[in-house]
Amino acid sequence: MMTLANRITMVRVVLSLAIFVLVLWQTLWSEAAALVLLTVASISDYFDGVIARRTMTTTPFGAIADPFADKILVLSVFLAFASLKELDVPLWAVFLILLRELTISTLRVLAALHGEVMKAETTGKIKTTIQMIALFTIMTLLVLVMWERTAPLPYAFLSFAAGLARPVAWWLTVITALFTLISGLVYLYNHRELLHKSWSERGR
């Protein structure tokens, strides 16, 4: 039977898909709901790890699925942002984030095949923090943009926020992509022996 921690991880994947759809729906209430679900998904990332450790139910599936679910959450939201004309999220920056996350996910699988577990590094934790700050900031601005669009009367603070949405989204995504890429390079360098062992012929 699947453990509680793993169930929470799988729920986070479902929430990621729901957030993606809600963001693309482009109404005030859908964007507000997406912001709420993003908050829930982020909190679940903390609790599934805590529950797994305290109940001593850590599993190989969880070790792989948990970071994978995190990546699905981040990528689904950034891809949704990149699809909106209200934002100026550069697709090339999202591609760099995608490239890094797929590369490190592959590295984790290689480590598992060799009986190793890749521990989270400081650069990875910083990367995750920057990603979540960017997601929440852009999502909040998107809610304000939709609010400004549907407000019966013009409000100065809504107009100001709507004007900031495009440049802030662009810069946050670019900064996030750069830190994400740097984090990936650090992981690759620190696990270069694993890479060498993986692509070398067995027995040599």
Protein backbone atom coordinates (compact mmCIF):
# COMPACT_ATOMS: atom_id res chain seq x y z
CA MET A 1 0.00 0.00 0.00
CA MET A 2 1.27 3.46 -0.90
CA THR A 3 2.53 5.42 2.11
CA LEU A 4 0.91 8.68 3.20
CA ALA A 5 3.99 10.66 2.21
CA ASN A 6 3.94 9.20 -1.30
CA ARG A 7 0.23 9.93 -1.60
CA ILE A 8 0.88 13.57 -0.75
CA THR A 9 3.61 13.61 -3.40
CA MET A 10 1.19 12.29 -6.02
CA VAL A 11 -1.43 14.84 -4.96
CA ARG A 12 1.16 17.54 -5.67
CA VAL A 13 1.45 16.26 -9.24
CA VAL A 14 -2.34 16.48 -9.65
CA LEU A 15 -2.32 19.99 -8.18
CA SER A 16 0.33 21.00 -10.71
CA LEU A 17 -1.92 19.99 -13.57
CA ALA A 18 -4.86 21.82 -11.99
CA ILE A 19 -2.79 24.98 -11.57
CA PHE A 20 -1.69 24.79 -15.22
CA VAL A 21 -5.31 24.65 -16.40
CA LEU A 22 -6.47 27.39 -14.02
CA VAL A 23 -3.72 29.79 -15.11
CA LEU A 24 -4.64 29.29 -18.78
CA TRP A 25 -8.32 29.86 -17.98
CA GLN A 26 -7.48 33.56 -17.48
CA THR A 27 -10.22 34.77 -15.17
CA LEU A 28 -9.82 36.52 -11.84
CA TRP A 29 -11.21 33.57 -9.91
CA SER A 30 -9.19 30.95 -11.79
CA GLU A 31 -5.95 32.86 -11.17
CA ALA A 32 -6.86 33.33 -7.49
CA ALA A 33 -7.63 29.61 -7.23
CA ALA A 34 -4.31 28.82 -8.93
CA LEU A 35 -2.51 30.96 -6.33
CA VAL A 36 -4.27 29.08 -3.51
CA LEU A 37 -3.42 25.69 -5.02
CA LEU A 38 0.19 26.77 -5.53
CA THR A 39 0.34 27.59 -1.83
CA VAL A 40 -1.13 24.20 -0.91
CA ALA A 41 1.26 22.37 -3.24
CA SER A 42 4.26 24.22 -1.80
CA ILE A 43 3.24 23.37 1.77
CA SER A 44 2.70 19.73 0.81
CA ASP A 45 6.31 19.56 -0.36
CA TYR A 46 7.39 20.24 3.22
CA PHE A 47 4.96 17.89 4.91
CA ASP A 48 5.52 14.80 2.77
CA GLY A 49 9.19 14.79 3.72
CA VAL A 50 8.45 15.38 7.41
CA ILE A 51 5.83 12.62 7.48
CA ALA A 52 8.12 10.15 5.71
CA ARG A 53 10.93 10.75 8.20
CA ARG A 54 8.83 10.77 11.36
CA THR A 55 6.87 7.65 10.43
CA MET A 56 10.03 5.98 9.08
CA THR A 57 8.28 5.27 5.78
CA THR A 58 10.89 6.60 3.38
CA THR A 59 10.82 4.61 0.15
CA PRO A 60 12.90 4.44 -3.05
CA PHE A 61 9.79 5.63 -4.91
CA GLY A 62 9.53 8.68 -2.67
CA ALA A 63 13.21 9.51 -3.09
CA ILE A 64 12.68 9.75 -6.85
CA ALA A 65 9.06 10.90 -7.02
CA ASP A 66 9.31 13.77 -4.52
CA PRO A 67 11.88 15.88 -6.41
CA PHE A 68 10.21 14.85 -9.68
CA ALA A 69 6.87 16.20 -8.40
CA ASP A 70 8.59 19.45 -7.42
CA LYS A 71 9.94 19.83 -10.94
CA ILE A 72 6.52 19.15 -12.47
CA LEU A 73 5.04 21.88 -10.27
CA VAL A 74 7.65 24.47 -11.21
CA LEU A 75 7.67 23.66 -14.92
CA SER A 76 3.90 23.46 -15.31
CA VAL A 77 3.44 26.91 -13.80
CA PHE A 78 6.27 28.51 -15.77
CA LEU A 79 4.99 26.96 -19.02
CA ALA A 80 1.51 28.31 -18.26
CA PHE A 81 2.98 31.76 -17.61
CA ALA A 82 4.88 31.64 -20.89
CA SER A 83 1.60 31.05 -22.72
CA LEU A 84 -0.01 34.29 -21.51
CA LYS A 85 0.28 37.56 -23.39
CA GLU A 86 -0.34 39.44 -20.13
CA LEU A 87 3.11 38.31 -19.02
CA ASP A 88 6.43 38.52 -20.78
CA VAL A 89 7.91 35.22 -19.67
CA PRO A 90 10.69 34.29 -22.15
CA LEU A 91 10.29 30.77 -23.47
CA TRP A 92 14.06 30.33 -23.82
CA ALA A 93 14.48 30.88 -20.07
CA VAL A 94 11.78 28.30 -19.33
CA PHE A 95 13.61 25.92 -21.67
CA LEU A 96 16.82 26.36 -19.66
CA ILE A 97 14.92 25.55 -16.48
CA LEU A 98 13.42 22.49 -18.16
CA LEU A 99 16.83 21.38 -19.46
CA ARG A 100 18.43 21.64 -16.03
CA GLU A 101 15.63 19.84 -14.23
CA LEU A 102 15.53 16.96 -16.71
CA THR A 103 19.31 16.63 -16.55
CA ILE A 104 19.44 16.47 -12.75
CA SER A 105 16.45 14.11 -12.66
CA THR A 106 18.40 11.79 -14.96
CA LEU A 107 21.41 12.12 -12.67
CA ARG A 108 19.26 11.09 -9.70
CA VAL A 109 18.10 8.00 -11.58
CA LEU A 110 21.71 7.11 -12.40
CA ALA A 111 22.63 7.49 -8.74
CA ALA A 112 19.75 5.21 -7.75
CA LEU A 113 20.89 2.58 -10.26
CA HIS A 114 24.28 2.60 -8.57
CA GLY A 115 22.73 2.30 -5.12
CA GLU A 116 23.41 5.92 -4.22
CA VAL A 117 21.13 8.71 -3.03
CA MET A 118 21.77 12.26 -4.17
CA LYS A 119 21.38 14.59 -1.24
CA ALA A 120 20.09 18.11 -1.73
CA GLU A 121 22.93 20.62 -1.95
CA THR A 122 23.00 24.23 -0.85
CA THR A 123 22.83 25.50 -4.42
CA GLY A 124 19.81 23.29 -5.04
CA LYS A 125 18.01 24.68 -1.99
CA ILE A 126 18.79 28.25 -3.07
CA LYS A 127 17.53 27.43 -6.56
CA THR A 128 14.27 26.07 -5.20
CA THR A 129 13.78 29.14 -3.01
CA ILE A 130 14.33 31.47 -5.96
CA GLN A 131 11.96 29.45 -8.13
CA MET A 132 9.17 29.61 -5.56
CA ILE A 133 9.67 33.33 -4.95
CA ALA A 134 9.42 33.91 -8.69
CA LEU A 135 6.31 31.74 -9.06
CA PHE A 136 4.44 33.36 -6.18
CA THR A 137 5.39 36.89 -7.24
CA ILE A 138 4.35 36.38 -10.86
CA MET A 139 1.16 34.57 -9.83
CA THR A 140 0.22 37.40 -7.48
CA LEU A 141 0.84 39.98 -10.21
CA LEU A 142 -1.29 37.91 -12.59
CA VAL A 143 -4.16 37.95 -10.10
CA LEU A 144 -3.84 41.74 -9.86
CA VAL A 145 -3.80 42.03 -13.66
CA MET A 146 -7.05 40.08 -13.88
CA TRP A 147 -8.52 42.11 -11.04
CA GLU A 148 -7.60 45.34 -12.85
CA ARG A 149 -9.24 44.00 -16.01
CA THR A 150 -12.54 43.20 -14.29
CA ALA A 151 -12.69 46.03 -11.72
CA PRO A 152 -15.75 48.28 -12.21
CA LEU A 153 -13.69 51.35 -11.41
CA PRO A 154 -10.04 52.18 -12.11
CA TYR A 155 -7.73 51.76 -9.13
CA ALA A 156 -4.25 53.27 -9.14
CA PHE A 157 -2.56 50.38 -7.36
CA LEU A 158 -4.10 47.84 -9.75
CA SER A 159 -2.96 49.83 -12.78
CA PHE A 160 0.51 50.10 -11.25
CA ALA A 161 0.67 46.35 -10.60
CA ALA A 162 -0.58 45.56 -14.10
CA GLY A 163 2.15 47.76 -15.54
CA LEU A 164 4.79 45.92 -13.53
CA ALA A 165 3.61 42.44 -14.49
CA ARG A 166 5.43 42.09 -17.82
CA PRO A 167 8.89 43.44 -16.86
CA VAL A 168 8.87 41.78 -13.43
CA ALA A 169 7.83 38.43 -14.92
CA TRP A 170 10.59 38.69 -17.54
CA TRP A 171 13.35 39.51 -15.08
CA LEU A 172 12.28 37.01 -12.45
CA THR A 173 12.13 34.22 -15.00
CA VAL A 174 15.57 35.09 -16.41
CA ILE A 175 17.14 35.34 -12.95
CA THR A 176 15.50 32.04 -11.98
CA ALA A 177 16.78 30.36 -15.14
CA LEU A 178 20.35 31.55 -14.51
CA PHE A 179 20.39 30.34 -10.89
CA THR A 180 18.75 27.09 -11.93
CA LEU A 181 21.39 26.54 -14.61
CA ILE A 182 24.24 27.34 -12.23
CA SER A 183 22.80 24.90 -9.69
CA GLY A 184 22.67 22.20 -12.34
CA LEU A 185 26.30 22.75 -13.32
CA VAL A 186 27.34 22.49 -9.67
CA TYR A 187 25.45 19.19 -9.33
CA LEU A 188 27.11 17.81 -12.45
CA TYR A 189 30.56 18.84 -11.28
CA ASN A 190 30.09 17.41 -7.78
CA HIS A 191 28.87 14.10 -9.24
CA ARG A 192 31.31 13.86 -12.12
CA GLU A 193 32.60 10.53 -10.83
CA LEU A 194 29.08 9.09 -11.00
CA LEU A 195 28.77 10.31 -14.58
CA HIS A 196 32.12 8.81 -15.51
CA LYS A 197 31.15 5.49 -13.90
CA SER A 198 27.81 5.53 -15.73
CA TRP A 199 29.10 6.12 -19.23
CA SER A 200 32.25 4.01 -18.91
CA GLU A 201 32.26 0.38 -19.95
CA ARG A 202 31.73 -2.04 -17.11
CA GLY A 203 34.85 -3.65 -15.86
CA ARG A 204 37.19 -0.88 -17.01
